[in-house]
Amino acid sequence: MTVKRSSVAAPQSIAVLQTEPLGLAGLRYVRDALAEFAPEWSVELGGICTEEATLIVVPEGGDDLAGPSFIVSRANFGYRLDLVHWDRMQSIGLFPDLADVMVALQQRLSFDVARLHAEQATLH
């Protein structure tokens, strides 16, 4: 028995989904998720258009003594999370969706806020 194989491979399509622009739905999602693990923190929508919108997560009062701020921005195929503290920006990572951003943010907040409280306790 012989099997005939085509010399030309059949093209396989790979679906690549673009990340949704940040807007009011993303703001509500992050605000609701943030309320569950850091209710004293707030989030604001910034930017001049939906293509360049960002979500800024800040501690109560927006004071660097209370903790770092975080910026969520849209990347080509995900969301970028950056930490801003004392005028220094640090990239945390690129995530496929806002749920993963919130998991990373929760982990970062629990680590950074605990560290800040420990530093403040040793200064007194």
PDB file of N, CA and C in Angstrom:
ATOM      1  N   MET A   1       0.846  -1.161   0.000  1.00  0.00           N
ATOM      2  CA  MET A   1       0.000   0.000   0.000  1.00  0.00           C
ATOM      3  C   MET A   1       0.900   1.235   0.000  1.00  0.00           C
ATOM      4  N   THR A   2       0.597   2.171  -0.833  1.00  0.00           N
ATOM      5  CA  THR A   2       1.367   3.404  -0.895  1.00  0.00           C
ATOM      6  C   THR A   2       0.509   4.554  -0.412  1.00  0.00           C
ATOM      7  N   VAL A   3       1.162   5.485   0.188  1.00  0.00           N
ATOM      8  CA  VAL A   3       0.479   6.683   0.676  1.00  0.00           C
ATOM      9  C   VAL A   3       1.051   7.873  -0.062  1.00  0.00           C
ATOM     10  N   LYS A   4       0.180   8.627  -0.670  1.00  0.00           N
ATOM     11  CA  LYS A   4       0.625   9.810  -1.394  1.00  0.00           C
ATOM     12  C   LYS A   4       0.615  11.006  -0.445  1.00  0.00           C
ATOM     13  N   ARG A   5       1.752  11.640  -0.392  1.00  0.00           N
ATOM     14  CA  ARG A   5       1.848  12.837   0.453  1.00  0.00           C
ATOM     15  C   ARG A   5       2.061  14.051  -0.427  1.00  0.00           C
ATOM     16  N   SER A   6       1.417  15.072  -0.065  1.00  0.00           N
ATOM     17  CA  SER A   6       1.563  16.313  -0.814  1.00  0.00           C
ATOM     18  C   SER A   6       2.928  16.912  -0.530  1.00  0.00           C
ATOM     19  N   SER A   7       3.535  17.462  -1.550  1.00  0.00           N
ATOM     20  CA  SER A   7       4.843  18.083  -1.346  1.00  0.00           C
ATOM     21  C   SER A   7       4.718  19.461  -0.707  1.00  0.00           C
ATOM     22  N   VAL A   8       3.533  20.001  -0.730  1.00  0.00           N
ATOM     23  CA  VAL A   8       3.300  21.315  -0.133  1.00  0.00           C
ATOM     24  C   VAL A   8       2.532  21.111   1.169  1.00  0.00           C
ATOM     25  N   ALA A   9       3.111  21.574   2.226  1.00  0.00           N
ATOM     26  CA  ALA A   9       2.448  21.431   3.517  1.00  0.00           C
ATOM     27  C   ALA A   9       1.241  22.356   3.582  1.00  0.00           C
ATOM     28  N   ALA A  10       0.201  21.880   4.182  1.00  0.00           N
ATOM     29  CA  ALA A  10      -0.992  22.701   4.352  1.00  0.00           C
ATOM     30  C   ALA A  10      -0.705  23.785   5.372  1.00  0.00           C
ATOM     31  N   PRO A  11      -1.036  25.004   5.034  1.00  0.00           N
ATOM     32  CA  PRO A  11      -0.759  26.083   5.995  1.00  0.00           C
ATOM     33  C   PRO A  11      -1.626  25.937   7.242  1.00  0.00           C
ATOM     34  N   GLN A  12      -1.015  26.184   8.359  1.00  0.00           N
ATOM     35  CA  GLN A  12      -1.748  26.154   9.617  1.00  0.00           C
ATOM     36  C   GLN A  12      -1.826  27.578  10.135  1.00  0.00           C
ATOM     37  N   SER A  13      -3.000  27.964  10.483  1.00  0.00           N
ATOM     38  CA  SER A  13      -3.154  29.328  10.973  1.00  0.00           C
ATOM     39  C   SER A  13      -3.024  29.345  12.489  1.00  0.00           C
ATOM     40  N   ILE A  14      -2.370  30.338  12.952  1.00  0.00           N
ATOM     41  CA  ILE A  14      -2.224  30.545  14.384  1.00  0.00           C
ATOM     42  C   ILE A  14      -2.966  31.832  14.715  1.00  0.00           C
ATOM     43  N   ALA A  15      -3.924  31.720  15.582  1.00  0.00           N
ATOM     44  CA  ALA A  15      -4.699  32.896  15.956  1.00  0.00           C
ATOM     45  C   ALA A  15      -3.940  33.683  17.011  1.00  0.00           C
ATOM     46  N   VAL A  16      -3.723  34.935  16.714  1.00  0.00           N
ATOM     47  CA  VAL A  16      -3.067  35.826  17.655  1.00  0.00           C
ATOM     48  C   VAL A  16      -4.070  36.922  17.988  1.00  0.00           C
ATOM     49  N   LEU A  17      -4.400  37.020  19.236  1.00  0.00           N
ATOM     50  CA  LEU A  17      -5.380  38.005  19.666  1.00  0.00           C
ATOM     51  C   LEU A  17      -4.698  39.260  20.174  1.00  0.00           C
ATOM     52  N   GLN A  18      -5.139  40.363  19.677  1.00  0.00           N
ATOM     53  CA  GLN A  18      -4.632  41.641  20.161  1.00  0.00           C
ATOM     54  C   GLN A  18      -5.223  41.916  21.540  1.00  0.00           C
ATOM     55  N   THR A  19      -4.486  42.591  22.357  1.00  0.00           N
ATOM     56  CA  THR A  19      -4.945  42.967  23.687  1.00  0.00           C
ATOM     57  C   THR A  19      -5.953  44.102  23.568  1.00  0.00           C
ATOM     58  N   GLU A  20      -7.021  43.996  24.335  1.00  0.00           N
ATOM     59  CA  GLU A  20      -8.040  45.050  24.340  1.00  0.00           C
ATOM     60  C   GLU A  20      -7.454  46.334  24.919  1.00  0.00           C
ATOM     61  N   PRO A  21      -7.810  47.483  24.359  1.00  0.00           N
ATOM     62  CA  PRO A  21      -7.365  48.741  24.949  1.00  0.00           C
ATOM     63  C   PRO A  21      -7.925  48.904  26.359  1.00  0.00           C
ATOM     64  N   LEU A  22      -7.201  49.600  27.192  1.00  0.00           N
ATOM     65  CA  LEU A  22      -7.673  49.873  28.548  1.00  0.00           C
ATOM     66  C   LEU A  22      -8.719  50.974  28.495  1.00  0.00           C
ATOM     67  N   GLY A  23      -9.771  50.786  29.250  1.00  0.00           N
ATOM     68  CA  GLY A  23     -10.847  51.767  29.284  1.00  0.00           C
ATOM     69  C   GLY A  23     -11.645  51.600  30.559  1.00  0.00           C
ATOM     70  N   LEU A  24     -12.903  51.979  30.499  1.00  0.00           N
ATOM     71  CA  LEU A  24     -13.744  51.919  31.699  1.00  0.00           C
ATOM     72  C   LEU A  24     -13.955  50.497  32.191  1.00  0.00           C
ATOM     73  N   ALA A  25     -14.057  49.527  31.275  1.00  0.00           N
ATOM     74  CA  ALA A  25     -14.247  48.129  31.699  1.00  0.00           C
ATOM     75  C   ALA A  25     -13.007  47.635  32.440  1.00  0.00           C
ATOM     76  N   GLY A  26     -11.828  47.942  31.934  1.00  0.00           N
ATOM     77  CA  GLY A  26     -10.586  47.568  32.612  1.00  0.00           C
ATOM     78  C   GLY A  26     -10.445  48.265  33.952  1.00  0.00           C
ATOM     79  N   LEU A  27     -10.838  49.527  34.002  1.00  0.00           N
ATOM     80  CA  LEU A  27     -10.799  50.293  35.255  1.00  0.00           C
ATOM     81  C   LEU A  27     -11.696  49.649  36.301  1.00  0.00           C
ATOM     82  N   ARG A  28     -12.913  49.282  35.916  1.00  0.00           N
ATOM     83  CA  ARG A  28     -13.839  48.631  36.858  1.00  0.00           C
ATOM     84  C   ARG A  28     -13.288  47.287  37.327  1.00  0.00           C
ATOM     85  N   TYR A  29     -12.727  46.523  36.397  1.00  0.00           N
ATOM     86  CA  TYR A  29     -12.183  45.217  36.751  1.00  0.00           C
ATOM     87  C   TYR A  29     -11.059  45.355  37.774  1.00  0.00           C
ATOM     88  N   VAL A  30     -10.123  46.242  37.506  1.00  0.00           N
ATOM     89  CA  VAL A  30      -8.992  46.432  38.420  1.00  0.00           C
ATOM     90  C   VAL A  30      -9.473  47.004  39.747  1.00  0.00           C
ATOM     91  N   ARG A  31     -10.399  47.940  39.716  1.00  0.00           N
ATOM     92  CA  ARG A  31     -10.936  48.525  40.953  1.00  0.00           C
ATOM     93  C   ARG A  31     -11.608  47.454  41.813  1.00  0.00           C
ATOM     94  N   ASP A  32     -12.400  46.589  41.194  1.00  0.00           N
ATOM     95  CA  ASP A  32     -13.082  45.527  41.944  1.00  0.00           C
ATOM     96  C   ASP A  32     -12.087  44.514  42.512  1.00  0.00           C
ATOM     97  N   ALA A  33     -11.105  44.131  41.713  1.00  0.00           N
ATOM     98  CA  ALA A  33     -10.099  43.170  42.181  1.00  0.00           C
ATOM     99  C   ALA A  33      -9.250  43.779  43.295  1.00  0.00           C
ATOM    100  N   LEU A  34      -8.889  45.025  43.144  1.00  0.00           N
ATOM    101  CA  LEU A  34      -8.075  45.719  44.137  1.00  0.00           C
ATOM    102  C   LEU A  34      -8.818  45.842  45.466  1.00  0.00           C
ATOM    103  N   ALA A  35     -10.127  46.050  45.400  1.00  0.00           N
ATOM    104  CA  ALA A  35     -10.932  46.180  46.621  1.00  0.00           C
ATOM    105  C   ALA A  35     -10.902  44.906  47.457  1.00  0.00           C
ATOM    106  N   GLU A  36     -10.644  43.769  46.824  1.00  0.00           N
ATOM    107  CA  GLU A  36     -10.613  42.499  47.549  1.00  0.00           C
ATOM    108  C   GLU A  36      -9.338  42.304  48.363  1.00  0.00           C
ATOM    109  N   PHE A  37      -8.197  42.799  47.871  1.00  0.00           N
ATOM    110  CA  PHE A  37      -6.956  42.543  48.596  1.00  0.00           C
ATOM    111  C   PHE A  37      -6.230  43.802  49.057  1.00  0.00           C
ATOM    112  N   ALA A  38      -6.628  44.975  48.588  1.00  0.00           N
ATOM    113  CA  ALA A  38      -6.007  46.223  49.041  1.00  0.00           C
ATOM    114  C   ALA A  38      -7.030  47.353  48.966  1.00  0.00           C
ATOM    115  N   PRO A  39      -8.046  47.306  49.842  1.00  0.00           N
ATOM    116  CA  PRO A  39      -9.139  48.277  49.739  1.00  0.00           C
ATOM    117  C   PRO A  39      -8.720  49.726  49.979  1.00  0.00           C
ATOM    118  N   GLU A  40      -7.581  49.946  50.623  1.00  0.00           N
ATOM    119  CA  GLU A  40      -7.136  51.314  50.858  1.00  0.00           C
ATOM    120  C   GLU A  40      -6.412  51.908  49.648  1.00  0.00           C
ATOM    121  N   TRP A  41      -6.184  51.105  48.630  1.00  0.00           N
ATOM    122  CA  TRP A  41      -5.532  51.566  47.408  1.00  0.00           C
ATOM    123  C   TRP A  41      -6.598  51.974  46.400  1.00  0.00           C
ATOM    124  N   SER A  42      -6.200  52.813  45.434  1.00  0.00           N
ATOM    125  CA  SER A  42      -7.146  53.239  44.406  1.00  0.00           C
ATOM    126  C   SER A  42      -6.504  53.120  43.030  1.00  0.00           C
ATOM    127  N   VAL A  43      -7.347  53.167  42.024  1.00  0.00           N
ATOM    128  CA  VAL A  43      -6.872  53.082  40.642  1.00  0.00           C
ATOM    129  C   VAL A  43      -7.538  54.185  39.830  1.00  0.00           C
ATOM    130  N   GLU A  44      -6.763  54.767  38.921  1.00  0.00           N
ATOM    131  CA  GLU A  44      -7.261  55.832  38.061  1.00  0.00           C
ATOM    132  C   GLU A  44      -6.927  55.508  36.617  1.00  0.00           C
ATOM    133  N   LEU A  45      -7.776  55.962  35.716  1.00  0.00           N
ATOM    134  CA  LEU A  45      -7.549  55.795  34.290  1.00  0.00           C
ATOM    135  C   LEU A  45      -6.879  57.051  33.772  1.00  0.00           C
ATOM    136  N   GLY A  46      -5.739  56.890  33.126  1.00  0.00           N
ATOM    137  CA  GLY A  46      -5.014  58.033  32.583  1.00  0.00           C
ATOM    138  C   GLY A  46      -4.761  57.860  31.103  1.00  0.00           C
ATOM    139  N   GLY A  47      -4.405  58.934  30.448  1.00  0.00           N
ATOM    140  CA  GLY A  47      -4.091  58.880  29.023  1.00  0.00           C
ATOM    141  C   GLY A  47      -5.011  59.770  28.229  1.00  0.00           C
ATOM    142  N   ILE A  48      -4.590  60.054  27.006  1.00  0.00           N
ATOM    143  CA  ILE A  48      -5.363  60.972  26.166  1.00  0.00           C
ATOM    144  C   ILE A  48      -6.260  60.260  25.164  1.00  0.00           C
ATOM    145  N   CYS A  49      -6.034  58.950  24.955  1.00  0.00           N
ATOM    146  CA  CYS A  49      -6.892  58.179  24.064  1.00  0.00           C
ATOM    147  C   CYS A  49      -6.850  56.711  24.493  1.00  0.00           C
ATOM    148  N   THR A  50      -7.772  55.914  23.979  1.00  0.00           N
ATOM    149  CA  THR A  50      -7.845  54.513  24.402  1.00  0.00           C
ATOM    150  C   THR A  50      -6.617  53.718  23.990  1.00  0.00           C
ATOM    151  N   GLU A  51      -5.981  54.087  22.898  1.00  0.00           N
ATOM    152  CA  GLU A  51      -4.797  53.355  22.448  1.00  0.00           C
ATOM    153  C   GLU A  51      -3.608  53.551  23.388  1.00  0.00           C
ATOM    154  N   GLU A  52      -3.581  54.650  24.113  1.00  0.00           N
ATOM    155  CA  GLU A  52      -2.462  54.931  25.001  1.00  0.00           C
ATOM    156  C   GLU A  52      -2.889  55.083  26.456  1.00  0.00           C
ATOM    157  N   ALA A  53      -4.047  54.554  26.800  1.00  0.00           N
ATOM    158  CA  ALA A  53      -4.560  54.667  28.167  1.00  0.00           C
ATOM    159  C   ALA A  53      -3.738  53.794  29.117  1.00  0.00           C
ATOM    160  N   THR A  54      -3.645  54.244  30.351  1.00  0.00           N
ATOM    161  CA  THR A  54      -2.970  53.484  31.403  1.00  0.00           C
ATOM    162  C   THR A  54      -3.852  53.462  32.636  1.00  0.00           C
ATOM    163  N   LEU A  55      -3.630  52.469  33.476  1.00  0.00           N
ATOM    164  CA  LEU A  55      -4.270  52.406  34.783  1.00  0.00           C
ATOM    165  C   LEU A  55      -3.179  52.639  35.812  1.00  0.00           C
ATOM    166  N   ILE A  56      -3.394  53.606  36.689  1.00  0.00           N
ATOM    167  CA  ILE A  56      -2.410  53.948  37.709  1.00  0.00           C
ATOM    168  C   ILE A  56      -2.973  53.530  39.059  1.00  0.00           C
ATOM    169  N   VAL A  57      -2.267  52.639  39.733  1.00  0.00           N
ATOM    170  CA  VAL A  57      -2.681  52.111  41.038  1.00  0.00           C
ATOM    171  C   VAL A  57      -1.811  52.787  42.092  1.00  0.00           C
ATOM    172  N   VAL A  58      -2.455  53.478  43.029  1.00  0.00           N
ATOM    173  CA  VAL A  58      -1.718  54.246  44.039  1.00  0.00           C
ATOM    174  C   VAL A  58      -2.196  53.912  45.445  1.00  0.00           C
ATOM    175  N   PRO A  59      -1.272  54.033  46.417  1.00  0.00           N
ATOM    176  CA  PRO A  59      -1.681  53.839  47.807  1.00  0.00           C
ATOM    177  C   PRO A  59      -2.521  55.023  48.272  1.00  0.00           C
ATOM    178  N   GLU A  60      -3.180  54.837  49.387  1.00  0.00           N
ATOM    179  CA  GLU A  60      -3.999  55.905  49.953  1.00  0.00           C
ATOM    180  C   GLU A  60      -3.164  57.169  50.108  1.00  0.00           C
ATOM    181  N   GLY A  61      -3.654  58.257  49.571  1.00  0.00           N
ATOM    182  CA  GLY A  61      -2.940  59.527  49.646  1.00  0.00           C
ATOM    183  C   GLY A  61      -1.871  59.685  48.573  1.00  0.00           C
ATOM    184  N   GLY A  62      -1.553  58.618  47.861  1.00  0.00           N
ATOM    185  CA  GLY A  62      -0.562  58.688  46.799  1.00  0.00           C
ATOM    186  C   GLY A  62       0.852  58.968  47.280  1.00  0.00           C
ATOM    187  N   ASP A  63       1.109  58.719  48.550  1.00  0.00           N
ATOM    188  CA  ASP A  63       2.399  59.034  49.149  1.00  0.00           C
ATOM    189  C   ASP A  63       3.375  57.874  48.977  1.00  0.00           C
ATOM    190  N   ASP A  64       4.608  58.170  48.561  1.00  0.00           N
ATOM    191  CA  ASP A  64       5.629  57.130  48.411  1.00  0.00           C
ATOM    192  C   ASP A  64       5.968  56.457  49.737  1.00  0.00           C
ATOM    193  N   LEU A  65       5.731  57.134  50.850  1.00  0.00           N
ATOM    194  CA  LEU A  65       5.971  56.501  52.151  1.00  0.00           C
ATOM    195  C   LEU A  65       5.006  55.341  52.399  1.00  0.00           C
ATOM    196  N   ALA A  66       3.802  55.433  51.809  1.00  0.00           N
ATOM    197  CA  ALA A  66       2.797  54.393  52.003  1.00  0.00           C
ATOM    198  C   ALA A  66       3.037  53.190  51.102  1.00  0.00           C
ATOM    199  N   GLY A  67       3.832  53.356  50.074  1.00  0.00           N
ATOM    200  CA  GLY A  67       4.112  52.248  49.170  1.00  0.00           C
ATOM    201  C   GLY A  67       4.319  52.727  47.752  1.00  0.00           C
ATOM    202  N   PRO A  68       4.712  51.817  46.884  1.00  0.00           N
ATOM    203  CA  PRO A  68       4.943  52.184  45.485  1.00  0.00           C
ATOM    204  C   PRO A  68       3.632  52.372  44.737  1.00  0.00           C
ATOM    205  N   SER A  69       3.710  52.997  43.592  1.00  0.00           N
ATOM    206  CA  SER A  69       2.582  53.068  42.674  1.00  0.00           C
ATOM    207  C   SER A  69       2.849  52.086  41.540  1.00  0.00           C
ATOM    208  N   PHE A  70       1.797  51.702  40.853  1.00  0.00           N
ATOM    209  CA  PHE A  70       1.923  50.757  39.752  1.00  0.00           C
ATOM    210  C   PHE A  70       1.236  51.311  38.527  1.00  0.00           C
ATOM    211  N   ILE A  71       1.792  51.029  37.370  1.00  0.00           N
ATOM    212  CA  ILE A  71       1.207  51.468  36.104  1.00  0.00           C
ATOM    213  C   ILE A  71       0.938  50.237  35.248  1.00  0.00           C
ATOM    214  N   VAL A  72      -0.309  50.119  34.802  1.00  0.00           N
ATOM    215  CA  VAL A  72      -0.699  49.055  33.884  1.00  0.00           C
ATOM    216  C   VAL A  72      -0.902  49.711  32.526  1.00  0.00           C
ATOM    217  N   SER A  73      -0.185  49.218  31.523  1.00  0.00           N
ATOM    218  CA  SER A  73      -0.327  49.753  30.176  1.00  0.00           C
ATOM    219  C   SER A  73      -0.503  48.611  29.192  1.00  0.00           C
ATOM    220  N   ARG A  74      -1.015  48.948  28.056  1.00  0.00           N
ATOM    221  CA  ARG A  74      -1.267  47.944  27.020  1.00  0.00           C
ATOM    222  C   ARG A  74      -0.010  47.760  26.182  1.00  0.00           C
ATOM    223  N   ALA A  75       0.347  46.513  25.935  1.00  0.00           N
ATOM    224  CA  ALA A  75       1.448  46.181  25.045  1.00  0.00           C
ATOM    225  C   ALA A  75       0.854  45.484  23.823  1.00  0.00           C
ATOM    226  N   ASN A  76       1.679  45.090  22.875  1.00  0.00           N
ATOM    227  CA  ASN A  76       1.163  44.458  21.655  1.00  0.00           C
ATOM    228  C   ASN A  76       0.303  43.241  21.927  1.00  0.00           C
ATOM    229  N   PHE A  77       0.775  42.341  22.776  1.00  0.00           N
ATOM    230  CA  PHE A  77       0.042  41.101  23.006  1.00  0.00           C
ATOM    231  C   PHE A  77      -0.082  40.815  24.490  1.00  0.00           C
ATOM    232  N   GLY A  78      -0.395  41.833  25.269  1.00  0.00           N
ATOM    233  CA  GLY A  78      -0.561  41.656  26.690  1.00  0.00           C
ATOM    234  C   GLY A  78      -0.624  42.989  27.404  1.00  0.00           C
ATOM    235  N   TYR A  79      -0.486  42.931  28.704  1.00  0.00           N
ATOM    236  CA  TYR A  79      -0.491  44.128  29.532  1.00  0.00           C
ATOM    237  C   TYR A  79       0.822  44.196  30.286  1.00  0.00           C
ATOM    238  N   ARG A  80       1.391  45.367  30.342  1.00  0.00           N
ATOM    239  CA  ARG A  80       2.667  45.593  31.012  1.00  0.00           C
ATOM    240  C   ARG A  80       2.394  46.172  32.395  1.00  0.00           C
ATOM    241  N   LEU A  81       3.102  45.667  33.387  1.00  0.00           N
ATOM    242  CA  LEU A  81       2.984  46.167  34.754  1.00  0.00           C
ATOM    243  C   LEU A  81       4.329  46.728  35.180  1.00  0.00           C
ATOM    244  N   ASP A  82       4.322  47.996  35.585  1.00  0.00           N
ATOM    245  CA  ASP A  82       5.528  48.666  36.053  1.00  0.00           C
ATOM    246  C   ASP A  82       5.309  49.194  37.459  1.00  0.00           C
ATOM    247  N   LEU A  83       6.379  49.243  38.225  1.00  0.00           N
ATOM    248  CA  LEU A  83       6.358  49.775  39.587  1.00  0.00           C
ATOM    249  C   LEU A  83       7.062  51.132  39.561  1.00  0.00           C
ATOM    250  N   VAL A  84       6.490  52.115  40.220  1.00  0.00           N
ATOM    251  CA  VAL A  84       7.108  53.441  40.342  1.00  0.00           C
ATOM    252  C   VAL A  84       7.209  53.759  41.821  1.00  0.00           C
ATOM    253  N   HIS A  85       8.441  54.035  42.277  1.00  0.00           N
ATOM    254  CA  HIS A  85       8.643  54.367  43.682  1.00  0.00           C
ATOM    255  C   HIS A  85       9.834  55.306  43.799  1.00  0.00           C
ATOM    256  N   TRP A  86       9.626  56.427  44.465  1.00  0.00           N
ATOM    257  CA  TRP A  86      10.664  57.437  44.636  1.00  0.00           C
ATOM    258  C   TRP A  86      11.266  57.840  43.289  1.00  0.00           C
ATOM    259  N   ASP A  87      10.401  58.100  42.323  1.00  0.00           N
ATOM    260  CA  ASP A  87      10.786  58.560  40.978  1.00  0.00           C
ATOM    261  C   ASP A  87      11.618  57.557  40.194  1.00  0.00           C
ATOM    262  N   ARG A  88      11.582  56.302  40.581  1.00  0.00           N
ATOM    263  CA  ARG A  88      12.268  55.244  39.838  1.00  0.00           C
ATOM    264  C   ARG A  88      11.222  54.275  39.299  1.00  0.00           C
ATOM    265  N   MET A  89      11.378  53.890  38.039  1.00  0.00           N
ATOM    266  CA  MET A  89      10.448  52.950  37.423  1.00  0.00           C
ATOM    267  C   MET A  89      11.142  51.608  37.228  1.00  0.00           C
ATOM    268  N   GLN A  90      10.422  50.549  37.547  1.00  0.00           N
ATOM    269  CA  GLN A  90      10.940  49.191  37.414  1.00  0.00           C
ATOM    270  C   GLN A  90       9.884  48.339  36.719  1.00  0.00           C
ATOM    271  N   SER A  91      10.281  47.621  35.692  1.00  0.00           N
ATOM    272  CA  SER A  91       9.357  46.744  34.997  1.00  0.00           C
ATOM    273  C   SER A  91       9.137  45.473  35.818  1.00  0.00           C
ATOM    274  N   ILE A  92       7.872  45.111  36.007  1.00  0.00           N
ATOM    275  CA  ILE A  92       7.543  43.876  36.709  1.00  0.00           C
ATOM    276  C   ILE A  92       7.324  42.750  35.702  1.00  0.00           C
ATOM    277  N   GLY A  93       6.679  43.059  34.589  1.00  0.00           N
ATOM    278  CA  GLY A  93       6.508  42.025  33.582  1.00  0.00           C
ATOM    279  C   GLY A  93       5.396  42.310  32.601  1.00  0.00           C
ATOM    280  N   LEU A  94       5.267  41.395  31.651  1.00  0.00           N
ATOM    281  CA  LEU A  94       4.239  41.448  30.633  1.00  0.00           C
ATOM    282  C   LEU A  94       3.309  40.260  30.865  1.00  0.00           C
ATOM    283  N   PHE A  95       2.005  40.516  30.870  1.00  0.00           N
ATOM    284  CA  PHE A  95       1.023  39.497  31.218  1.00  0.00           C
ATOM    285  C   PHE A  95      -0.044  39.402  30.132  1.00  0.00           C
ATOM    286  N   PRO A  96      -0.581  38.205  29.898  1.00  0.00           N
ATOM    287  CA  PRO A  96      -1.551  38.025  28.808  1.00  0.00           C
ATOM    288  C   PRO A  96      -2.914  38.669  29.060  1.00  0.00           C
ATOM    289  N   ASP A  97      -3.300  38.819  30.328  1.00  0.00           N
ATOM    290  CA  ASP A  97      -4.604  39.422  30.608  1.00  0.00           C
ATOM    291  C   ASP A  97      -4.576  40.144  31.951  1.00  0.00           C
ATOM    292  N   LEU A  98      -5.630  40.901  32.204  1.00  0.00           N
ATOM    293  CA  LEU A  98      -5.684  41.700  33.442  1.00  0.00           C
ATOM    294  C   LEU A  98      -5.756  40.836  34.694  1.00  0.00           C
ATOM    295  N   ALA A  99      -6.309  39.642  34.588  1.00  0.00           N
ATOM    296  CA  ALA A  99      -6.362  38.747  35.757  1.00  0.00           C
ATOM    297  C   ALA A  99      -4.943  38.396  36.209  1.00  0.00           C
ATOM    298  N   ASP A 100      -4.063  38.120  35.268  1.00  0.00           N
ATOM    299  CA  ASP A 100      -2.672  37.811  35.612  1.00  0.00           C
ATOM    300  C   ASP A 100      -1.943  39.034  36.155  1.00  0.00           C
ATOM    301  N   VAL A 101      -2.289  40.203  35.641  1.00  0.00           N
ATOM    302  CA  VAL A 101      -1.722  41.446  36.175  1.00  0.00           C
ATOM    303  C   VAL A 101      -2.101  41.604  37.639  1.00  0.00           C
ATOM    304  N   MET A 102      -3.357  41.310  37.961  1.00  0.00           N
ATOM    305  CA  MET A 102      -3.828  41.478  39.331  1.00  0.00           C
ATOM    306  C   MET A 102      -3.186  40.480  40.278  1.00  0.00           C
ATOM    307  N   VAL A 103      -2.916  39.264  39.814  1.00  0.00           N
ATOM    308  CA  VAL A 103      -2.212  38.280  40.644  1.00  0.00           C
ATOM    309  C   VAL A 103      -0.806  38.792  40.956  1.00  0.00           C
ATOM    310  N   ALA A 104      -0.113  39.287  39.938  1.00  0.00           N
ATOM    311  CA  ALA A 104       1.236  39.825  40.141  1.00  0.00           C
ATOM    312  C   ALA A 104       1.203  41.050  41.050  1.00  0.00           C
ATOM    313  N   LEU A 105       0.199  41.891  40.873  1.00  0.00           N
ATOM    314  CA  LEU A 105       0.076  43.087  41.709  1.00  0.00           C
ATOM    315  C   LEU A 105      -0.183  42.713  43.161  1.00  0.00           C
ATOM    316  N   GLN A 106      -1.031  41.740  43.384  1.00  0.00           N
ATOM    317  CA  GLN A 106      -1.308  41.290  44.755  1.00  0.00           C
ATOM    318  C   GLN A 106      -0.037  40.748  45.412  1.00  0.00           C
ATOM    319  N   GLN A 107       0.712  39.943  44.688  1.00  0.00           N
ATOM    320  CA  GLN A 107       1.964  39.410  45.232  1.00  0.00           C
ATOM    321  C   GLN A 107       2.943  40.531  45.530  1.00  0.00           C
ATOM    322  N   ARG A 108       3.044  41.477  44.624  1.00  0.00           N
ATOM    323  CA  ARG A 108       3.981  42.583  44.798  1.00  0.00           C
ATOM    324  C   ARG A 108       3.578  43.466  45.970  1.00  0.00           C
ATOM    325  N   LEU A 109       2.291  43.746  46.087  1.00  0.00           N
ATOM    326  CA  LEU A 109       1.821  44.580  47.194  1.00  0.00           C
ATOM    327  C   LEU A 109       2.085  43.912  48.535  1.00  0.00           C
ATOM    328  N   SER A 110       1.830  42.629  48.635  1.00  0.00           N
ATOM    329  CA  SER A 110       2.047  41.953  49.914  1.00  0.00           C
ATOM    330  C   SER A 110       3.525  41.972  50.287  1.00  0.00           C
ATOM    331  N   PHE A 111       4.401  41.869  49.308  1.00  0.00           N
ATOM    332  CA  PHE A 111       5.838  41.895  49.578  1.00  0.00           C
ATOM    333  C   PHE A 111       6.320  43.316  49.880  1.00  0.00           C
ATOM    334  N   ASP A 112       5.998  44.278  49.006  1.00  0.00           N
ATOM    335  CA  ASP A 112       6.519  45.639  49.148  1.00  0.00           C
ATOM    336  C   ASP A 112       5.961  46.363  50.366  1.00  0.00           C
ATOM    337  N   VAL A 113       4.674  46.212  50.630  1.00  0.00           N
ATOM    338  CA  VAL A 113       4.071  46.906  51.770  1.00  0.00           C
ATOM    339  C   VAL A 113       4.597  46.325  53.079  1.00  0.00           C
ATOM    340  N   ALA A 114       4.752  45.007  53.148  1.00  0.00           N
ATOM    341  CA  ALA A 114       5.317  44.396  54.361  1.00  0.00           C
ATOM    342  C   ALA A 114       6.747  44.869  54.587  1.00  0.00           C
ATOM    343  N   ARG A 115       7.507  44.986  53.510  1.00  0.00           N
ATOM    344  CA  ARG A 115       8.899  45.459  53.617  1.00  0.00           C
ATOM    345  C   ARG A 115       8.941  46.918  54.056  1.00  0.00           C
ATOM    346  N   LEU A 116       8.058  47.746  53.506  1.00  0.00           N
ATOM    347  CA  LEU A 116       8.027  49.160  53.885  1.00  0.00           C
ATOM    348  C   LEU A 116       7.661  49.333  55.357  1.00  0.00           C
ATOM    349  N   HIS A 117       6.693  48.558  55.825  1.00  0.00           N
ATOM    350  CA  HIS A 117       6.304  48.648  57.236  1.00  0.00           C
ATOM    351  C   HIS A 117       7.446  48.201  58.145  1.00  0.00           C
ATOM    352  N   ALA A 118       8.171  47.197  57.743  1.00  0.00           N
ATOM    353  CA  ALA A 118       9.326  46.734  58.535  1.00  0.00           C
ATOM    354  C   ALA A 118      10.408  47.808  58.570  1.00  0.00           C
ATOM    355  N   GLU A 119      10.655  48.471  57.428  1.00  0.00           N
ATOM    356  CA  GLU A 119      11.667  49.534  57.394  1.00  0.00           C
ATOM    357  C   GLU A 119      11.253  50.709  58.269  1.00  0.00           C
ATOM    358  N   GLN A 120       9.985  51.080  58.209  1.00  0.00           N
ATOM    359  CA  GLN A 120       9.504  52.200  59.013  1.00  0.00           C
ATOM    360  C   GLN A 120       9.560  51.872  60.509  1.00  0.00           C
ATOM    361  N   ALA A 121       9.316  50.617  60.868  1.00  0.00           N
ATOM    362  CA  ALA A 121       9.353  50.224  62.276  1.00  0.00           C
ATOM    363  C   ALA A 121      10.781  50.279  62.817  1.00  0.00           C
ATOM    364  N   THR A 122      11.761  49.992  61.979  1.00  0.00           N
ATOM    365  CA  THR A 122      13.153  50.034  62.449  1.00  0.00           C
ATOM    366  C   THR A 122      13.710  51.441  62.513  1.00  0.00           C
ATOM    367  N   LEU A 123      13.069  52.400  61.855  1.00  0.00           N
ATOM    368  CA  LEU A 123      13.559  53.779  61.868  1.00  0.00           C
ATOM    369  C   LEU A 123      13.186  54.501  63.163  1.00  0.00           C
ATOM    370  N   HIS A 124      12.208  54.033  63.886  1.00  0.00           N
ATOM    371  CA  HIS A 124      11.734  54.732  65.085  1.00  0.00           C
ATOM    372  C   HIS A 124      12.454  54.291  66.322  1.00  0.00           C
TER     373      HIS A 124
END
